Amino acid sequence: MRFATWNVNSVRARVDRVVDFLDRMQVDVLAMQEIKCKPAQFPAEAFEAAGYELAVHGLNQWNGVAIASRVGLADVRTQFPGQPAFGKPGQEAIVEARAIGATAGGIDIWSLYVPNGRGLDDPHYRYKLDFLDRLRTEAEGWTDRPVALVGDWNVAPTDEDLYPGGEAEAPTHVTPEVREAFAAFEGAGYTELSRRFIPEQAFTYWDYKQLRFPRGEGLRIDFVYASQALASMATGALIDREERKGKGASDHAPVIVDLKDAA
């Protein structure tokens, strides 16, 4: 079985690329982030024609997560227990469309779009830390089964995970406390699979501005945390940089993981 995670940065703008990727790389399950649409607006026909079932969670033109599977899809959940809400001062806080979970091909996969944080003095940064803490607290109770926590974590866990000077571009991704919150998932019984198979410097995100991609100035912020039951099935991983090239590319590249005996 092969599954992948990809911040597609608007599925409606990139549906052809996404479906072509599924076919080209023979992906069984794809977790998507930043779909930027409501379920009724999702271009479902193209996925269904390619043989994929869908679980979609989106509230507006921002955020949004989805899972596409050709190996079954069941037990869909549109938030994890304890998922925090967020609202600007003076507005009602809501639980944003940043998590969707489902059972696919014998694994419990969560597509996650961790809050960016925006700025160190912004309430969104505390929201980011709260989101990571509550997710880890819940995930500690899931380690007895094959579980994948995948997506755009908006964390660069080590200094090698960003180009020189990249901390100025993403200050909320590199603080000691956000790195500690990310590392806490390992302490909770999870293994980050892309690092296991790709230990060298390898970026997954390049800003559209200032020729970041051709200049090799990226960040590694998309990850796959696996419970030990799932990590034992993993046989390999890759970052598909080809999907960051060409016209109409997302600013993220997909991260792919191969499994044996997943069902």
Protein backbone atom coordinates (compact mmCIF):
# COMPACT_ATOMS: atom_id res chain seq x y z
CA MET A 1 0.00 0.00 0.00
CA ARG A 2 1.17 3.51 -0.78
CA PHE A 3 -0.16 6.66 0.88
CA ALA A 4 0.79 10.30 0.57
CA THR A 5 0.21 13.70 2.12
CA TRP A 6 0.10 16.92 0.13
CA ASN A 7 -0.81 20.53 0.84
CA VAL A 8 -2.41 21.15 -2.54
CA ASN A 9 -3.02 24.89 -1.97
CA SER A 10 -6.50 24.90 -3.59
CA VAL A 11 -7.77 21.61 -4.97
CA ARG A 12 -10.04 23.33 -7.48
CA ALA A 13 -7.06 25.11 -9.04
CA ARG A 14 -4.98 21.93 -9.16
CA VAL A 15 -7.41 19.06 -9.59
CA ASP A 16 -5.83 17.86 -12.85
CA ARG A 17 -2.36 17.84 -11.32
CA VAL A 18 -3.57 16.00 -8.24
CA VAL A 19 -5.39 13.27 -10.15
CA ASP A 20 -2.44 12.90 -12.54
CA PHE A 21 -0.15 12.54 -9.51
CA LEU A 22 -2.35 9.78 -8.08
CA ASP A 23 -2.10 7.88 -11.34
CA ARG A 24 1.58 8.58 -12.00
CA MET A 25 2.70 7.55 -8.53
CA GLN A 26 0.04 4.86 -7.99
CA VAL A 27 -1.05 6.29 -4.64
CA ASP A 28 -3.74 4.35 -2.77
CA VAL A 29 -4.60 7.00 -0.18
CA LEU A 30 -3.95 10.74 -0.37
CA ALA A 31 -4.35 13.14 2.55
CA MET A 32 -4.81 16.70 1.31
CA GLN A 33 -4.52 20.00 3.15
CA GLU A 34 -5.50 23.57 2.30
CA ILE A 35 -8.17 22.46 -0.16
CA LYS A 36 -9.77 25.92 0.17
CA CYS A 37 -13.37 24.93 -0.49
CA LYS A 38 -16.53 23.54 1.03
CA PRO A 39 -17.49 19.88 0.38
CA ALA A 40 -20.08 20.91 -2.22
CA GLN A 41 -17.39 22.82 -4.13
CA PHE A 42 -14.85 19.99 -4.14
CA PRO A 43 -14.16 18.63 -7.67
CA ALA A 44 -15.27 15.14 -6.68
CA GLU A 45 -16.10 13.90 -10.19
CA ALA A 46 -12.44 13.79 -11.29
CA PHE A 47 -11.42 11.74 -8.24
CA GLU A 48 -14.38 9.40 -8.47
CA ALA A 49 -13.71 8.80 -12.18
CA ALA A 50 -10.18 7.77 -11.19
CA GLY A 51 -11.58 5.25 -8.69
CA TYR A 52 -11.25 7.18 -5.40
CA GLU A 53 -13.71 7.63 -2.55
CA LEU A 54 -13.62 10.97 -0.77
CA ALA A 55 -13.95 12.43 2.72
CA VAL A 56 -13.94 16.23 2.64
CA HIS A 57 -14.07 18.85 5.38
CA GLY A 58 -14.09 22.54 4.54
CA LEU A 59 -15.97 25.50 5.96
CA ASN A 60 -15.00 28.34 3.62
CA GLN A 61 -12.33 29.40 1.12
CA TRP A 62 -9.57 28.95 3.71
CA ASN A 63 -7.99 25.87 5.25
CA GLY A 64 -9.85 22.63 4.54
CA VAL A 65 -8.70 19.00 4.54
CA ALA A 66 -9.64 15.87 2.63
CA ILE A 67 -8.78 12.20 2.12
CA ALA A 68 -9.03 10.30 -1.18
CA SER A 69 -8.84 6.50 -1.09
CA ARG A 70 -9.09 3.65 -3.58
CA VAL A 71 -8.79 1.01 -0.83
CA GLY A 72 -11.94 1.84 1.13
CA LEU A 73 -12.98 4.71 3.38
CA ALA A 74 -14.89 4.41 6.66
CA ASP A 75 -15.31 5.97 10.12
CA VAL A 76 -14.86 9.56 8.92
CA ARG A 77 -14.25 12.15 11.66
CA THR A 78 -14.07 15.89 10.94
CA GLN A 79 -12.16 16.84 14.08
CA PHE A 80 -10.17 15.11 16.78
CA PRO A 81 -11.46 15.09 20.37
CA GLY A 82 -10.41 18.26 22.15
CA GLN A 83 -9.48 20.09 18.94
CA PRO A 84 -9.25 23.77 19.90
CA ALA A 85 -11.31 26.56 18.39
CA PHE A 86 -10.02 29.90 17.15
CA GLY A 87 -11.53 33.30 16.52
CA LYS A 88 -10.25 36.81 16.08
CA PRO A 89 -10.83 39.20 19.02
CA GLY A 90 -14.50 40.11 19.10
CA GLN A 91 -15.53 37.14 16.94
CA GLU A 92 -16.96 33.79 17.92
CA ALA A 93 -14.33 31.05 18.05
CA ILE A 94 -14.92 28.07 15.78
CA VAL A 95 -13.26 24.69 15.30
CA GLU A 96 -11.62 25.23 11.93
CA ALA A 97 -11.40 22.65 9.15
CA ARG A 98 -7.87 21.53 10.02
CA ALA A 99 -8.28 17.81 10.71
CA ILE A 100 -10.08 14.89 9.14
CA GLY A 101 -9.63 11.25 10.04
CA ALA A 102 -10.78 8.04 8.38
CA THR A 103 -9.99 4.35 8.13
CA ALA A 104 -8.51 3.46 4.75
CA GLY A 105 -6.80 0.25 3.73
CA GLY A 106 -6.57 -0.95 7.30
CA ILE A 107 -4.94 2.20 8.72
CA ASP A 108 -6.38 5.14 10.62
CA ILE A 109 -5.13 8.20 8.75
CA TRP A 110 -5.47 11.81 9.85
CA SER A 111 -4.98 14.67 7.39
CA LEU A 112 -3.77 17.63 9.44
CA TYR A 113 -3.24 21.30 8.64
CA VAL A 114 -1.53 22.67 11.73
CA PRO A 115 -2.05 26.43 12.27
CA ASN A 116 0.73 28.63 10.91
CA GLY A 117 1.03 30.84 13.97
CA ARG A 118 1.37 34.05 11.90
CA GLY A 119 3.58 35.90 14.39
CA LEU A 120 5.14 35.30 17.78
CA ASP A 121 2.91 37.96 19.36
CA ASP A 122 -0.20 36.85 17.50
CA PRO A 123 -2.95 34.82 19.28
CA HIS A 124 -2.65 32.40 16.37
CA TYR A 125 0.73 31.29 17.69
CA ARG A 126 -0.75 30.21 21.04
CA TYR A 127 -3.52 28.51 19.07
CA LYS A 128 -0.85 26.59 17.13
CA LEU A 129 0.79 25.35 20.32
CA ASP A 130 -2.58 24.44 21.80
CA PHE A 131 -3.51 22.52 18.64
CA LEU A 132 -0.28 20.50 18.76
CA ASP A 133 -0.61 19.82 22.48
CA ARG A 134 -4.20 18.64 22.31
CA LEU A 135 -3.52 16.50 19.25
CA ARG A 136 -0.60 14.81 20.99
CA THR A 137 -2.67 14.24 24.12
CA GLU A 138 -5.35 12.45 22.08
CA ALA A 139 -2.86 10.60 19.88
CA GLU A 140 -1.21 9.03 22.93
CA GLY A 141 -4.30 6.86 23.23
CA TRP A 142 -4.19 5.63 19.63
CA THR A 143 -0.83 3.86 19.60
CA ASP A 144 -2.22 0.33 19.89
CA ARG A 145 -3.33 0.37 16.23
CA PRO A 146 -1.91 1.50 12.85
CA VAL A 147 -2.29 5.28 12.90
CA ALA A 148 -0.81 7.92 10.58
CA LEU A 149 -0.75 11.60 11.55
CA VAL A 150 0.15 13.32 8.31
CA GLY A 151 0.09 16.73 6.76
CA ASP A 152 1.42 20.26 6.82
CA TRP A 153 2.71 20.66 10.37
CA ASN A 154 4.08 24.20 9.87
CA VAL A 155 7.11 23.24 11.96
CA ALA A 156 10.74 23.02 10.84
CA PRO A 157 12.01 20.67 13.57
CA THR A 158 15.76 21.22 13.07
CA ASP A 159 17.99 23.91 11.62
CA GLU A 160 18.64 21.64 8.61
CA ASP A 161 14.95 21.84 7.77
CA LEU A 162 15.21 25.36 6.40
CA TYR A 163 17.52 27.24 4.09
CA PRO A 164 20.03 29.67 5.65
CA GLY A 165 18.03 32.69 6.74
CA GLY A 166 14.74 30.83 6.50
CA GLU A 167 13.92 31.48 10.14
CA ALA A 168 13.11 35.07 9.19
CA GLU A 169 10.53 33.78 6.71
CA ALA A 170 8.87 31.46 9.22
CA PRO A 171 9.64 32.55 12.80
CA THR A 172 6.68 30.63 14.24
CA HIS A 173 8.03 27.37 12.78
CA VAL A 174 11.38 27.30 14.57
CA THR A 175 10.90 28.40 18.18
CA PRO A 176 12.13 26.05 20.91
CA GLU A 177 8.58 25.56 22.21
CA VAL A 178 7.07 24.70 18.83
CA ARG A 179 9.92 22.30 18.09
CA GLU A 180 9.41 20.74 21.50
CA ALA A 181 5.68 20.36 20.81
CA PHE A 182 6.50 18.58 17.54
CA ALA A 183 9.12 16.32 19.13
CA ALA A 184 6.63 15.35 21.85
CA PHE A 185 4.87 13.07 19.37
CA GLU A 186 7.93 10.84 19.35
CA GLY A 187 7.71 10.66 23.12
CA ALA A 188 4.04 9.73 22.73
CA GLY A 189 4.97 6.63 20.73
CA TYR A 190 5.16 7.88 17.13
CA THR A 191 7.93 7.70 14.51
CA GLU A 192 8.38 10.30 11.79
CA LEU A 193 8.72 8.11 8.69
CA SER A 194 10.04 10.57 6.13
CA ARG A 195 13.04 11.31 8.35
CA ARG A 196 13.67 7.59 8.84
CA PHE A 197 14.02 7.01 5.10
CA ILE A 198 15.21 10.49 4.03
CA PRO A 199 17.61 11.62 6.78
CA GLU A 200 19.44 14.12 4.58
CA GLN A 201 18.28 17.69 4.05
CA ALA A 202 15.13 17.56 1.94
CA PHE A 203 12.58 20.36 1.68
CA THR A 204 8.83 20.02 1.12
CA TYR A 205 7.83 23.70 0.78
CA TRP A 206 9.18 26.59 -1.28
CA ASP A 207 7.52 30.02 -1.22
CA TYR A 208 6.36 31.35 -4.58
CA LYS A 209 8.23 34.60 -3.93
CA GLN A 210 11.84 35.43 -4.79
CA LEU A 211 12.49 32.29 -6.87
CA ARG A 212 12.69 30.16 -3.75
CA PHE A 213 12.29 26.86 -5.61
CA PRO A 214 14.91 27.30 -8.35
CA ARG A 215 17.28 28.73 -5.74
CA GLY A 216 16.75 25.71 -3.47
CA GLU A 217 15.51 27.86 -0.59
CA GLY A 218 12.85 25.76 1.08
CA LEU A 219 11.53 24.41 4.35
CA ARG A 220 10.78 20.87 5.50
CA ILE A 221 7.39 21.18 7.17
CA ASP A 222 5.30 18.27 5.82
CA PHE A 223 5.63 15.06 7.84
CA VAL A 224 4.27 11.58 8.50
CA TYR A 225 4.10 10.50 12.14
CA ALA A 226 3.25 6.80 12.48
CA SER A 227 2.29 4.72 15.50
CA GLN A 228 4.65 1.83 16.13
CA ALA A 229 2.06 -0.60 14.74
CA LEU A 230 2.19 1.32 11.46
CA ALA A 231 5.90 2.21 11.50
CA SER A 232 6.75 -1.49 11.50
CA MET A 233 4.98 -1.80 8.14
CA ALA A 234 6.89 1.02 6.44
CA THR A 235 9.31 0.07 3.66
CA GLY A 236 10.23 3.45 2.18
CA ALA A 237 9.42 7.12 1.68
CA LEU A 238 10.06 9.85 -0.86
CA ILE A 239 9.41 13.54 -1.44
CA ASP A 240 8.10 14.11 -4.96
CA ARG A 241 9.83 17.35 -5.98
CA GLU A 242 8.49 16.94 -9.54
CA GLU A 243 5.13 18.20 -8.30
CA ARG A 244 6.67 21.54 -7.29
CA LYS A 245 7.81 22.14 -10.87
CA GLY A 246 5.99 23.64 -13.81
CA LYS A 247 2.91 25.75 -14.33
CA GLY A 248 0.21 25.68 -11.68
CA ALA A 249 2.23 23.89 -9.01
CA SER A 250 1.38 23.98 -5.33
CA ASP A 251 4.05 25.54 -3.13
CA HIS A 252 4.35 22.15 -1.36
CA ALA A 253 5.59 18.79 -2.62
CA PRO A 254 3.86 15.50 -1.72
CA VAL A 255 5.43 13.16 0.84
CA ILE A 256 4.88 9.48 -0.01
CA VAL A 257 5.19 6.40 2.21
CA ASP A 258 5.14 2.74 1.19
CA LEU A 259 3.78 0.01 3.47
CA LYS A 260 3.67 -3.76 3.50
CA ASP A 261 0.79 -5.81 4.88
CA ALA A 262 -1.28 -2.73 5.79
CA ALA A 263 -4.65 -4.45 5.60
